[in-house]
PDB file of N, CA and C in Angstrom:
ATOM      1  N   UNK A   1    -157.231 134.939-196.885  1.00  0.00           N
ATOM      2  CA  UNK A   1    -156.071 134.095-195.589  1.00  0.00           C
ATOM      3  C   UNK A   1    -157.164 134.025-194.469  1.00  0.00           C
ATOM      4  N   UNK A   2    -157.014 132.873-193.970  1.00  0.00           N
ATOM      5  CA  UNK A   2    -157.971 132.015-192.750  1.00  0.00           C
ATOM      6  C   UNK A   2    -157.563 132.825-191.420  1.00  0.00           C
ATOM      7  N   UNK A   3    -158.543 132.981-190.105  1.00  0.00           N
ATOM      8  CA  UNK A   3    -157.718 133.744-188.595  1.00  0.00           C
ATOM      9  C   UNK A   3    -156.883 132.757-187.772  1.00  0.00           C
ATOM     10  N   UNK A   4    -157.426 131.246-188.468  1.00  0.00           N
ATOM     11  CA  UNK A   4    -156.026 130.470-187.580  1.00  0.00           C
ATOM     12  C   UNK A   4    -154.193 130.905-188.688  1.00  0.00           C
ATOM     13  N   UNK A   5    -154.569 130.717-189.493  1.00  0.00           N
ATOM     14  CA  UNK A   5    -153.399 131.106-190.067  1.00  0.00           C
ATOM     15  C   UNK A   5    -152.618 132.486-189.939  1.00  0.00           C
ATOM     16  N   UNK A   6    -154.010 132.913-189.699  1.00  0.00           N
ATOM     17  CA  UNK A   6    -153.087 134.579-189.556  1.00  0.00           C
ATOM     18  C   UNK A   6    -152.553 134.418-187.141  1.00  0.00           C
ATOM     19  N   UNK A   7    -153.409 133.838-187.040  1.00  0.00           N
ATOM     20  CA  UNK A   7    -152.583 134.199-185.385  1.00  0.00           C
ATOM     21  C   UNK A   7    -151.553 133.188-185.274  1.00  0.00           C
ATOM     22  N   UNK A   8    -151.361 132.058-186.167  1.00  0.00           N
ATOM     23  CA  UNK A   8    -150.914 131.324-186.144  1.00  0.00           C
ATOM     24  C   UNK A   8    -149.229 132.256-186.656  1.00  0.00           C
ATOM     25  N   UNK A   9    -149.699 133.129-187.486  1.00  0.00           N
ATOM     26  CA  UNK A   9    -148.147 133.915-188.052  1.00  0.00           C
ATOM     27  C   UNK A   9    -148.085 134.581-186.733  1.00  0.00           C
ATOM     28  N   UNK A  10    -148.951 135.228-186.304  1.00  0.00           N
ATOM     29  CA  UNK A  10    -148.504 136.758-185.622  1.00  0.00           C
ATOM     30  C   UNK A  10    -147.788 136.043-184.269  1.00  0.00           C
ATOM     31  N   UNK A  11    -148.387 134.917-184.008  1.00  0.00           N
ATOM     32  CA  UNK A  11    -147.588 133.825-182.673  1.00  0.00           C
ATOM     33  C   UNK A  11    -145.765 133.928-183.340  1.00  0.00           C
ATOM     34  N   UNK A  12    -145.791 132.778-184.052  1.00  0.00           N
ATOM     35  CA  UNK A  12    -144.486 133.128-184.725  1.00  0.00           C
ATOM     36  C   UNK A  12    -144.011 134.268-184.987  1.00  0.00           C
ATOM     37  N   UNK A  13    -144.106 135.138-185.960  1.00  0.00           N
ATOM     38  CA  UNK A  13    -143.321 136.695-185.510  1.00  0.00           C
ATOM     39  C   UNK A  13    -143.126 137.193-183.728  1.00  0.00           C
ATOM     40  N   UNK A  14    -144.189 136.890-183.167  1.00  0.00           N
ATOM     41  CA  UNK A  14    -144.038 137.607-181.645  1.00  0.00           C
ATOM     42  C   UNK A  14    -142.511 136.532-181.476  1.00  0.00           C
ATOM     43  N   UNK A  15    -143.218 135.179-181.682  1.00  0.00           N
ATOM     44  CA  UNK A  15    -141.894 134.064-181.092  1.00  0.00           C
ATOM     45  C   UNK A  15    -140.120 134.738-181.399  1.00  0.00           C
ATOM     46  N   UNK A  16    -140.358 134.927-183.011  1.00  0.00           N
ATOM     47  CA  UNK A  16    -138.789 135.216-183.211  1.00  0.00           C
ATOM     48  C   UNK A  16    -138.348 136.429-182.668  1.00  0.00           C
ATOM     49  N   UNK A  17    -139.594 137.481-182.724  1.00  0.00           N
ATOM     50  CA  UNK A  17    -138.942 139.104-181.888  1.00  0.00           C
ATOM     51  C   UNK A  17    -138.685 138.241-180.761  1.00  0.00           C
ATOM     52  N   UNK A  18    -138.911 138.142-180.126  1.00  0.00           N
ATOM     53  CA  UNK A  18    -138.781 138.012-178.774  1.00  0.00           C
ATOM     54  C   UNK A  18    -136.933 137.472-178.255  1.00  0.00           C
ATOM     55  N   UNK A  19    -137.078 136.340-179.010  1.00  0.00           N
ATOM     56  CA  UNK A  19    -135.960 135.295-179.458  1.00  0.00           C
ATOM     57  C   UNK A  19    -134.743 136.486-179.279  1.00  0.00           C
ATOM     58  N   UNK A  20    -134.334 137.205-180.188  1.00  0.00           N
ATOM     59  CA  UNK A  20    -133.617 137.897-181.021  1.00  0.00           C
ATOM     60  C   UNK A  20    -133.326 139.044-179.955  1.00  0.00           C
ATOM     61  N   UNK A  21    -134.581 139.370-179.194  1.00  0.00           N
ATOM     62  CA  UNK A  21    -134.627 140.982-178.675  1.00  0.00           C
ATOM     63  C   UNK A  21    -133.219 139.932-176.420  1.00  0.00           C
ATOM     64  N   UNK A  22    -133.866 138.430-176.590  1.00  0.00           N
ATOM     65  CA  UNK A  22    -133.525 138.421-175.167  1.00  0.00           C
ATOM     66  C   UNK A  22    -132.237 137.444-175.332  1.00  0.00           C
ATOM     67  N   UNK A  23    -131.710 137.139-176.509  1.00  0.00           N
ATOM     68  CA  UNK A  23    -130.888 136.173-176.901  1.00  0.00           C
ATOM     69  C   UNK A  23    -129.674 136.588-176.568  1.00  0.00           C
ATOM     70  N   UNK A  24    -129.172 138.462-177.383  1.00  0.00           N
ATOM     71  CA  UNK A  24    -128.259 138.311-176.125  1.00  0.00           C
ATOM     72  C   UNK A  24    -128.029 138.538-174.737  1.00  0.00           C
ATOM     73  N   UNK A  25    -129.302 138.704-174.332  1.00  0.00           N
ATOM     74  CA  UNK A  25    -128.567 139.137-172.475  1.00  0.00           C
ATOM     75  C   UNK A  25    -128.399 136.903-172.329  1.00  0.00           C
ATOM     76  N   UNK A  26    -128.734 135.973-173.099  1.00  0.00           N
ATOM     77  CA  UNK A  26    -128.189 134.748-172.435  1.00  0.00           C
ATOM     78  C   UNK A  26    -127.248 134.234-173.296  1.00  0.00           C
ATOM     79  N   UNK A  27    -126.445 134.794-174.277  1.00  0.00           N
ATOM     80  CA  UNK A  27    -125.473 134.201-174.798  1.00  0.00           C
ATOM     81  C   UNK A  27    -123.963 135.079-174.487  1.00  0.00           C
ATOM     82  N   UNK A  28    -124.350 136.449-173.505  1.00  0.00           N
ATOM     83  CA  UNK A  28    -123.376 137.041-173.200  1.00  0.00           C
ATOM     84  C   UNK A  28    -123.790 137.215-171.279  1.00  0.00           C
ATOM     85  N   UNK A  29    -124.204 136.127-170.605  1.00  0.00           N
ATOM     86  CA  UNK A  29    -124.479 136.070-169.707  1.00  0.00           C
ATOM     87  C   UNK A  29    -123.498 136.815-168.368  1.00  0.00           C
ATOM     88  N   UNK A  30    -122.540 135.874-168.798  1.00  0.00           N
ATOM     89  CA  UNK A  30    -121.357 135.584-168.019  1.00  0.00           C
ATOM     90  C   UNK A  30    -120.782 137.402-168.067  1.00  0.00           C
ATOM     91  N   UNK A  31    -119.866 136.929-169.101  1.00  0.00           N
ATOM     92  CA  UNK A  31    -119.170 137.853-169.611  1.00  0.00           C
ATOM     93  C   UNK A  31    -119.573 139.038-171.303  1.00  0.00           C
ATOM     94  N   UNK A  32    -119.253 139.863-171.242  1.00  0.00           N
ATOM     95  CA  UNK A  32    -119.486 140.709-172.358  1.00  0.00           C
ATOM     96  C   UNK A  32    -118.472 141.370-172.780  1.00  0.00           C
ATOM     97  N   UNK A  33    -118.599 140.782-174.113  1.00  0.00           N
ATOM     98  CA  UNK A  33    -117.188 140.792-175.283  1.00  0.00           C
ATOM     99  C   UNK A  33    -117.162 142.341-175.438  1.00  0.00           C
ATOM    100  N   UNK A  34    -116.172 142.636-175.342  1.00  0.00           N
ATOM    101  CA  UNK A  34    -115.638 144.284-175.493  1.00  0.00           C
ATOM    102  C   UNK A  34    -116.312 144.792-176.848  1.00  0.00           C
ATOM    103  N   UNK A  35    -116.363 144.161-177.741  1.00  0.00           N
ATOM    104  CA  UNK A  35    -116.309 144.472-178.806  1.00  0.00           C
ATOM    105  C   UNK A  35    -117.895 145.124-179.432  1.00  0.00           C
ATOM    106  N   UNK A  36    -118.969 144.219-178.627  1.00  0.00           N
ATOM    107  CA  UNK A  36    -120.272 144.787-178.070  1.00  0.00           C
ATOM    108  C   UNK A  36    -120.534 145.681-177.463  1.00  0.00           C
ATOM    109  N   UNK A  37    -119.685 145.782-176.383  1.00  0.00           N
ATOM    110  CA  UNK A  37    -119.817 147.435-176.052  1.00  0.00           C
ATOM    111  C   UNK A  37    -119.073 148.677-176.182  1.00  0.00           C
ATOM    112  N   UNK A  38    -118.502 148.272-177.641  1.00  0.00           N
ATOM    113  CA  UNK A  38    -117.903 148.977-178.159  1.00  0.00           C
ATOM    114  C   UNK A  38    -119.500 149.766-179.180  1.00  0.00           C
ATOM    115  N   UNK A  39    -119.718 148.496-179.833  1.00  0.00           N
ATOM    116  CA  UNK A  39    -120.893 148.846-180.662  1.00  0.00           C
ATOM    117  C   UNK A  39    -122.157 149.143-179.882  1.00  0.00           C
ATOM    118  N   UNK A  40    -122.660 148.842-179.370  1.00  0.00           N
ATOM    119  CA  UNK A  40    -123.256 149.704-178.464  1.00  0.00           C
ATOM    120  C   UNK A  40    -123.046 151.303-178.161  1.00  0.00           C
ATOM    121  N   UNK A  41    -121.867 151.667-177.429  1.00  0.00           N
ATOM    122  CA  UNK A  41    -121.393 153.146-177.770  1.00  0.00           C
ATOM    123  C   UNK A  41    -121.610 153.889-178.806  1.00  0.00           C
ATOM    124  N   UNK A  42    -120.849 153.212-179.820  1.00  0.00           N
ATOM    125  CA  UNK A  42    -120.551 153.819-180.608  1.00  0.00           C
ATOM    126  C   UNK A  42    -122.256 153.889-182.400  1.00  0.00           C
ATOM    127  N   UNK A  43    -123.347 153.214-182.374  1.00  0.00           N
ATOM    128  CA  UNK A  43    -124.019 152.640-182.785  1.00  0.00           C
ATOM    129  C   UNK A  43    -125.377 153.501-182.765  1.00  0.00           C
ATOM    130  N   UNK A  44    -125.728 154.125-181.807  1.00  0.00           N
ATOM    131  CA  UNK A  44    -126.460 155.380-181.411  1.00  0.00           C
ATOM    132  C   UNK A  44    -125.898 156.581-182.022  1.00  0.00           C
ATOM    133  N   UNK A  45    -124.334 156.888-182.250  1.00  0.00           N
ATOM    134  CA  UNK A  45    -124.583 157.666-183.212  1.00  0.00           C
ATOM    135  C   UNK A  45    -124.432 158.053-184.182  1.00  0.00           C
ATOM    136  N   UNK A  46    -124.049 156.450-184.780  1.00  0.00           N
ATOM    137  CA  UNK A  46    -123.786 156.355-186.824  1.00  0.00           C
ATOM    138  C   UNK A  46    -125.537 156.221-187.274  1.00  0.00           C
ATOM    139  N   UNK A  47    -126.152 155.797-186.343  1.00  0.00           N
ATOM    140  CA  UNK A  47    -127.336 155.761-187.055  1.00  0.00           C
ATOM    141  C   UNK A  47    -128.259 156.973-186.953  1.00  0.00           C
ATOM    142  N   UNK A  48    -128.080 157.781-186.340  1.00  0.00           N
ATOM    143  CA  UNK A  48    -128.441 159.500-185.763  1.00  0.00           C
ATOM    144  C   UNK A  48    -128.086 159.575-187.054  1.00  0.00           C
ATOM    145  N   UNK A  49    -126.735 159.573-187.012  1.00  0.00           N
ATOM    146  CA  UNK A  49    -126.533 160.169-188.401  1.00  0.00           C
ATOM    147  C   UNK A  49    -126.770 160.314-189.581  1.00  0.00           C
ATOM    148  N   UNK A  50    -126.857 158.708-189.986  1.00  0.00           N
ATOM    149  CA  UNK A  50    -127.436 158.197-190.958  1.00  0.00           C
ATOM    150  C   UNK A  50    -128.978 158.524-191.386  1.00  0.00           C
ATOM    151  N   UNK A  51    -129.833 158.493-190.426  1.00  0.00           N
ATOM    152  CA  UNK A  51    -131.036 159.121-190.662  1.00  0.00           C
ATOM    153  C   UNK A  51    -130.791 160.886-190.698  1.00  0.00           C
ATOM    154  N   UNK A  52    -129.867 161.426-190.306  1.00  0.00           N
ATOM    155  CA  UNK A  52    -130.849 163.047-190.858  1.00  0.00           C
ATOM    156  C   UNK A  52    -129.894 162.932-192.147  1.00  0.00           C
ATOM    157  N   UNK A  53    -128.629 162.364-193.169  1.00  0.00           N
ATOM    158  CA  UNK A  53    -128.165 161.611-194.737  1.00  0.00           C
ATOM    159  C   UNK A  53    -129.910 161.644-194.789  1.00  0.00           C
ATOM    160  N   UNK A  54    -130.321 160.611-194.655  1.00  0.00           N
ATOM    161  CA  UNK A  54    -131.762 159.811-195.639  1.00  0.00           C
ATOM    162  C   UNK A  54    -132.058 160.885-195.525  1.00  0.00           C
ATOM    163  N   UNK A  55    -133.145 161.875-194.339  1.00  0.00           N
ATOM    164  CA  UNK A  55    -133.794 162.908-193.931  1.00  0.00           C
ATOM    165  C   UNK A  55    -133.473 164.056-195.212  1.00  0.00           C
ATOM    166  N   UNK A  56    -132.244 164.323-195.306  1.00  0.00           N
ATOM    167  CA  UNK A  56    -132.098 165.519-196.397  1.00  0.00           C
ATOM    168  C   UNK A  56    -131.349 164.726-196.956  1.00  0.00           C
ATOM    169  N   UNK A  57    -131.076 164.493-198.079  1.00  0.00           N
ATOM    170  CA  UNK A  57    -131.075 163.686-199.343  1.00  0.00           C
ATOM    171  C   UNK A  57    -131.271 163.919-200.454  1.00  0.00           C
ATOM    172  N   UNK A  58    -133.057 164.903-200.583  1.00  0.00           N
ATOM    173  CA  UNK A  58    -133.485 164.999-201.549  1.00  0.00           C
ATOM    174  C   UNK A  58    -133.712 166.823-201.221  1.00  0.00           C
ATOM    175  N   UNK A  59    -133.309 167.060-200.767  1.00  0.00           N
ATOM    176  CA  UNK A  59    -133.838 169.035-200.614  1.00  0.00           C
ATOM    177  C   UNK A  59    -132.778 169.427-201.423  1.00  0.00           C
ATOM    178  N   UNK A  60    -133.832 170.208-202.251  1.00  0.00           N
ATOM    179  CA  UNK A  60    -132.943 170.939-203.203  1.00  0.00           C
ATOM    180  C   UNK A  60    -132.777 172.203-202.106  1.00  0.00           C
ATOM    181  N   UNK A  61    -131.635 173.344-202.559  1.00  0.00           N
ATOM    182  CA  UNK A  61    -131.535 173.755-203.072  1.00  0.00           C
ATOM    183  C   UNK A  61    -131.157 174.923-203.815  1.00  0.00           C
ATOM    184  N   UNK A  62    -131.624 174.527-204.954  1.00  0.00           N
ATOM    185  CA  UNK A  62    -131.952 175.196-206.267  1.00  0.00           C
ATOM    186  C   UNK A  62    -133.495 175.358-206.741  1.00  0.00           C
ATOM    187  N   UNK A  63    -134.296 174.922-206.471  1.00  0.00           N
ATOM    188  CA  UNK A  63    -135.531 175.088-205.938  1.00  0.00           C
ATOM    189  C   UNK A  63    -136.848 174.867-205.608  1.00  0.00           C
ATOM    190  N   UNK A  64    -138.203 175.302-205.668  1.00  0.00           N
ATOM    191  CA  UNK A  64    -138.919 175.508-204.810  1.00  0.00           C
ATOM    192  C   UNK A  64    -138.586 176.256-203.102  1.00  0.00           C
ATOM    193  N   UNK A  65    -138.212 175.790-202.209  1.00  0.00           N
ATOM    194  CA  UNK A  65    -138.502 176.468-200.923  1.00  0.00           C
ATOM    195  C   UNK A  65    -136.715 176.702-200.506  1.00  0.00           C
ATOM    196  N   UNK A  66    -136.023 176.057-201.514  1.00  0.00           N
ATOM    197  CA  UNK A  66    -134.350 176.088-201.168  1.00  0.00           C
ATOM    198  C   UNK A  66    -134.004 175.788-200.191  1.00  0.00           C
ATOM    199  N   UNK A  67    -134.654 174.749-199.257  1.00  0.00           N
ATOM    200  CA  UNK A  67    -134.308 174.106-197.833  1.00  0.00           C
ATOM    201  C   UNK A  67    -134.218 174.808-197.227  1.00  0.00           C
ATOM    202  N   UNK A  68    -135.589 175.744-197.075  1.00  0.00           N
ATOM    203  CA  UNK A  68    -134.904 176.423-195.407  1.00  0.00           C
ATOM    204  C   UNK A  68    -136.075 176.215-194.605  1.00  0.00           C
ATOM    205  N   UNK A  69    -136.798 175.723-194.635  1.00  0.00           N
ATOM    206  CA  UNK A  69    -137.814 174.522-193.790  1.00  0.00           C
ATOM    207  C   UNK A  69    -137.434 173.402-193.061  1.00  0.00           C
ATOM    208  N   UNK A  70    -136.522 172.533-194.014  1.00  0.00           N
ATOM    209  CA  UNK A  70    -135.113 171.820-193.454  1.00  0.00           C
ATOM    210  C   UNK A  70    -133.837 172.051-192.500  1.00  0.00           C
ATOM    211  N   UNK A  71    -133.934 173.680-193.059  1.00  0.00           N
ATOM    212  CA  UNK A  71    -132.562 174.172-192.092  1.00  0.00           C
ATOM    213  C   UNK A  71    -133.116 174.562-191.227  1.00  0.00           C
ATOM    214  N   UNK A  72    -133.818 175.027-191.086  1.00  0.00           N
ATOM    215  CA  UNK A  72    -134.891 175.898-190.075  1.00  0.00           C
ATOM    216  C   UNK A  72    -135.084 174.639-188.695  1.00  0.00           C
ATOM    217  N   UNK A  73    -136.004 173.133-189.426  1.00  0.00           N
ATOM    218  CA  UNK A  73    -135.971 172.405-188.305  1.00  0.00           C
ATOM    219  C   UNK A  73    -134.916 172.105-187.836  1.00  0.00           C
ATOM    220  N   UNK A  74    -133.817 171.419-188.424  1.00  0.00           N
ATOM    221  CA  UNK A  74    -132.891 170.508-187.908  1.00  0.00           C
ATOM    222  C   UNK A  74    -131.716 172.060-187.181  1.00  0.00           C
ATOM    223  N   UNK A  75    -131.623 173.185-187.447  1.00  0.00           N
ATOM    224  CA  UNK A  75    -131.207 173.880-186.811  1.00  0.00           C
ATOM    225  C   UNK A  75    -132.252 173.909-185.193  1.00  0.00           C
ATOM    226  N   UNK A  76    -132.873 174.062-185.385  1.00  0.00           N
ATOM    227  CA  UNK A  76    -134.860 173.886-183.953  1.00  0.00           C
ATOM    228  C   UNK A  76    -133.856 172.590-183.013  1.00  0.00           C
ATOM    229  N   UNK A  77    -134.076 171.901-184.122  1.00  0.00           N
ATOM    230  CA  UNK A  77    -133.677 170.389-183.341  1.00  0.00           C
ATOM    231  C   UNK A  77    -132.438 170.442-182.480  1.00  0.00           C
ATOM    232  N   UNK A  78    -131.284 171.147-183.500  1.00  0.00           N
ATOM    233  CA  UNK A  78    -130.100 171.158-182.435  1.00  0.00           C
ATOM    234  C   UNK A  78    -130.090 172.341-180.873  1.00  0.00           C
ATOM    235  N   UNK A  79    -130.279 173.037-180.664  1.00  0.00           N
ATOM    236  CA  UNK A  79    -130.488 173.844-180.325  1.00  0.00           C
ATOM    237  C   UNK A  79    -131.288 173.577-178.853  1.00  0.00           C
ATOM    238  N   UNK A  80    -133.120 172.907-179.267  1.00  0.00           N
ATOM    239  CA  UNK A  80    -133.350 172.251-178.538  1.00  0.00           C
ATOM    240  C   UNK A  80    -132.846 171.506-177.517  1.00  0.00           C
ATOM    241  N   UNK A  81    -131.720 170.523-178.443  1.00  0.00           N
ATOM    242  CA  UNK A  81    -131.207 169.215-177.751  1.00  0.00           C
ATOM    243  C   UNK A  81    -130.023 169.634-176.703  1.00  0.00           C
ATOM    244  N   UNK A  82    -129.395 170.714-177.503  1.00  0.00           N
ATOM    245  CA  UNK A  82    -128.488 171.001-176.587  1.00  0.00           C
ATOM    246  C   UNK A  82    -129.425 171.678-175.623  1.00  0.00           C
ATOM    247  N   UNK A  83    -129.798 172.628-175.129  1.00  0.00           N
ATOM    248  CA  UNK A  83    -130.595 173.181-174.197  1.00  0.00           C
ATOM    249  C   UNK A  83    -130.876 172.593-173.327  1.00  0.00           C
ATOM    250  N   UNK A  84    -131.948 170.882-173.778  1.00  0.00           N
ATOM    251  CA  UNK A  84    -132.884 170.483-172.488  1.00  0.00           C
ATOM    252  C   UNK A  84    -132.072 168.918-172.727  1.00  0.00           C
ATOM    253  N   UNK A  85    -131.306 168.375-174.089  1.00  0.00           N
ATOM    254  CA  UNK A  85    -131.314 167.350-173.628  1.00  0.00           C
ATOM    255  C   UNK A  85    -132.437 166.492-173.479  1.00  0.00           C
ATOM    256  N   UNK A  86    -133.410 166.613-174.119  1.00  0.00           N
ATOM    257  CA  UNK A  86    -134.645 165.928-174.100  1.00  0.00           C
ATOM    258  C   UNK A  86    -134.344 165.552-175.859  1.00  0.00           C
ATOM    259  N   UNK A  87    -134.216 163.972-176.124  1.00  0.00           N
ATOM    260  CA  UNK A  87    -134.693 163.946-177.683  1.00  0.00           C
ATOM    261  C   UNK A  87    -135.895 163.587-178.125  1.00  0.00           C
ATOM    262  N   UNK A  88    -136.818 163.041-177.153  1.00  0.00           N
ATOM    263  CA  UNK A  88    -137.828 163.339-177.699  1.00  0.00           C
ATOM    264  C   UNK A  88    -138.910 164.881-177.794  1.00  0.00           C
ATOM    265  N   UNK A  89    -138.535 165.388-176.756  1.00  0.00           N
ATOM    266  CA  UNK A  89    -139.092 166.444-177.229  1.00  0.00           C
ATOM    267  C   UNK A  89    -138.243 167.519-178.669  1.00  0.00           C
ATOM    268  N   UNK A  90    -137.076 166.857-178.671  1.00  0.00           N
ATOM    269  CA  UNK A  90    -136.218 167.833-179.840  1.00  0.00           C
ATOM    270  C   UNK A  90    -136.660 167.367-181.036  1.00  0.00           C
ATOM    271  N   UNK A  91    -137.298 165.942-181.514  1.00  0.00           N
ATOM    272  CA  UNK A  91    -137.031 165.330-182.465  1.00  0.00           C
ATOM    273  C   UNK A  91    -139.299 165.996-182.520  1.00  0.00           C
ATOM    274  N   UNK A  92    -139.812 165.833-181.341  1.00  0.00           N
ATOM    275  CA  UNK A  92    -141.040 166.376-181.820  1.00  0.00           C
ATOM    276  C   UNK A  92    -141.024 167.722-182.119  1.00  0.00           C
ATOM    277  N   UNK A  93    -140.512 168.882-181.726  1.00  0.00           N
ATOM    278  CA  UNK A  93    -140.497 170.307-181.840  1.00  0.00           C
ATOM    279  C   UNK A  93    -140.045 170.583-183.223  1.00  0.00           C
ATOM    280  N   UNK A  94    -138.548 170.136-184.049  1.00  0.00           N
ATOM    281  CA  UNK A  94    -138.809 169.690-184.645  1.00  0.00           C
ATOM    282  C   UNK A  94    -139.486 169.181-186.036  1.00  0.00           C
ATOM    283  N   UNK A  95    -140.451 168.291-186.122  1.00  0.00           N
ATOM    284  CA  UNK A  95    -141.374 167.592-186.165  1.00  0.00           C
ATOM    285  C   UNK A  95    -141.952 168.544-187.087  1.00  0.00           C
ATOM    286  N   UNK A  96    -142.289 169.219-185.674  1.00  0.00           N
ATOM    287  CA  UNK A  96    -143.698 170.320-185.905  1.00  0.00           C
ATOM    288  C   UNK A  96    -143.740 171.697-186.355  1.00  0.00           C
ATOM    289  N   UNK A  97    -142.386 171.511-186.435  1.00  0.00           N
ATOM    290  CA  UNK A  97    -142.045 172.965-187.409  1.00  0.00           C
ATOM    291  C   UNK A  97    -141.681 172.570-188.658  1.00  0.00           C
ATOM    292  N   UNK A  98    -141.360 171.655-188.800  1.00  0.00           N
ATOM    293  CA  UNK A  98    -140.903 171.270-190.117  1.00  0.00           C
ATOM    294  C   UNK A  98    -142.447 171.361-191.138  1.00  0.00           C
ATOM    295  N   UNK A  99    -143.477 170.816-190.452  1.00  0.00           N
ATOM    296  CA  UNK A  99    -144.740 170.754-190.704  1.00  0.00           C
ATOM    297  C   UNK A  99    -145.279 171.550-190.519  1.00  0.00           C
ATOM    298  N   UNK A 100    -145.219 172.690-190.253  1.00  0.00           N
ATOM    299  CA  UNK A 100    -145.626 174.085-189.761  1.00  0.00           C
ATOM    300  C   UNK A 100    -145.462 174.641-190.943  1.00  0.00           C
ATOM    301  N   UNK A 101    -144.041 175.173-191.252  1.00  0.00           N
ATOM    302  CA  UNK A 101    -143.499 176.070-191.914  1.00  0.00           C
ATOM    303  C   UNK A 101    -143.267 174.807-193.785  1.00  0.00           C
ATOM    304  N   UNK A 102    -143.901 173.682-193.967  1.00  0.00           N
ATOM    305  CA  UNK A 102    -144.246 173.056-195.117  1.00  0.00           C
ATOM    306  C   UNK A 102    -145.717 173.201-195.405  1.00  0.00           C
ATOM    307  N   UNK A 103    -146.337 173.344-194.651  1.00  0.00           N
ATOM    308  CA  UNK A 103    -148.107 173.611-194.299  1.00  0.00           C
ATOM    309  C   UNK A 103    -148.804 175.159-194.829  1.00  0.00           C
ATOM    310  N   UNK A 104    -147.534 176.277-194.067  1.00  0.00           N
ATOM    311  CA  UNK A 104    -148.262 176.880-193.761  1.00  0.00           C
ATOM    312  C   UNK A 104    -147.905 178.237-194.997  1.00  0.00           C
ATOM    313  N   UNK A 105    -146.437 178.576-194.363  1.00  0.00           N
ATOM    314  CA  UNK A 105    -145.425 179.334-194.851  1.00  0.00           C
ATOM    315  C   UNK A 105    -144.844 178.717-196.303  1.00  0.00           C
ATOM    316  N   UNK A 106    -144.352 177.556-197.261  1.00  0.00           N
ATOM    317  CA  UNK A 106    -143.821 177.588-197.903  1.00  0.00           C
ATOM    318  C   UNK A 106    -144.805 176.631-198.748  1.00  0.00           C
TER     319      UNK A 106
END
């Protein structure tokens, strides 16, 4: 690929991404429909639930570490989030705990 084509490709991708980000503000400038407000409230929880299911779908409770690192890490995330209400802290600590358990313990 030549440099001009690559730069044009990046520019088109950036423009489309910006358009997708700004389009709702342009379309709903005066009044936001109730269905959009509702989806804005429920989507974060639905997506987090889907991510938890996706992350835990291949955990085997009958072989290997029996899902102990995953269970401990999920418990740590839940407890930290209930205590500090900080999503980044919860996710970072859960990830670090899982990696430490998998690399050093199991």
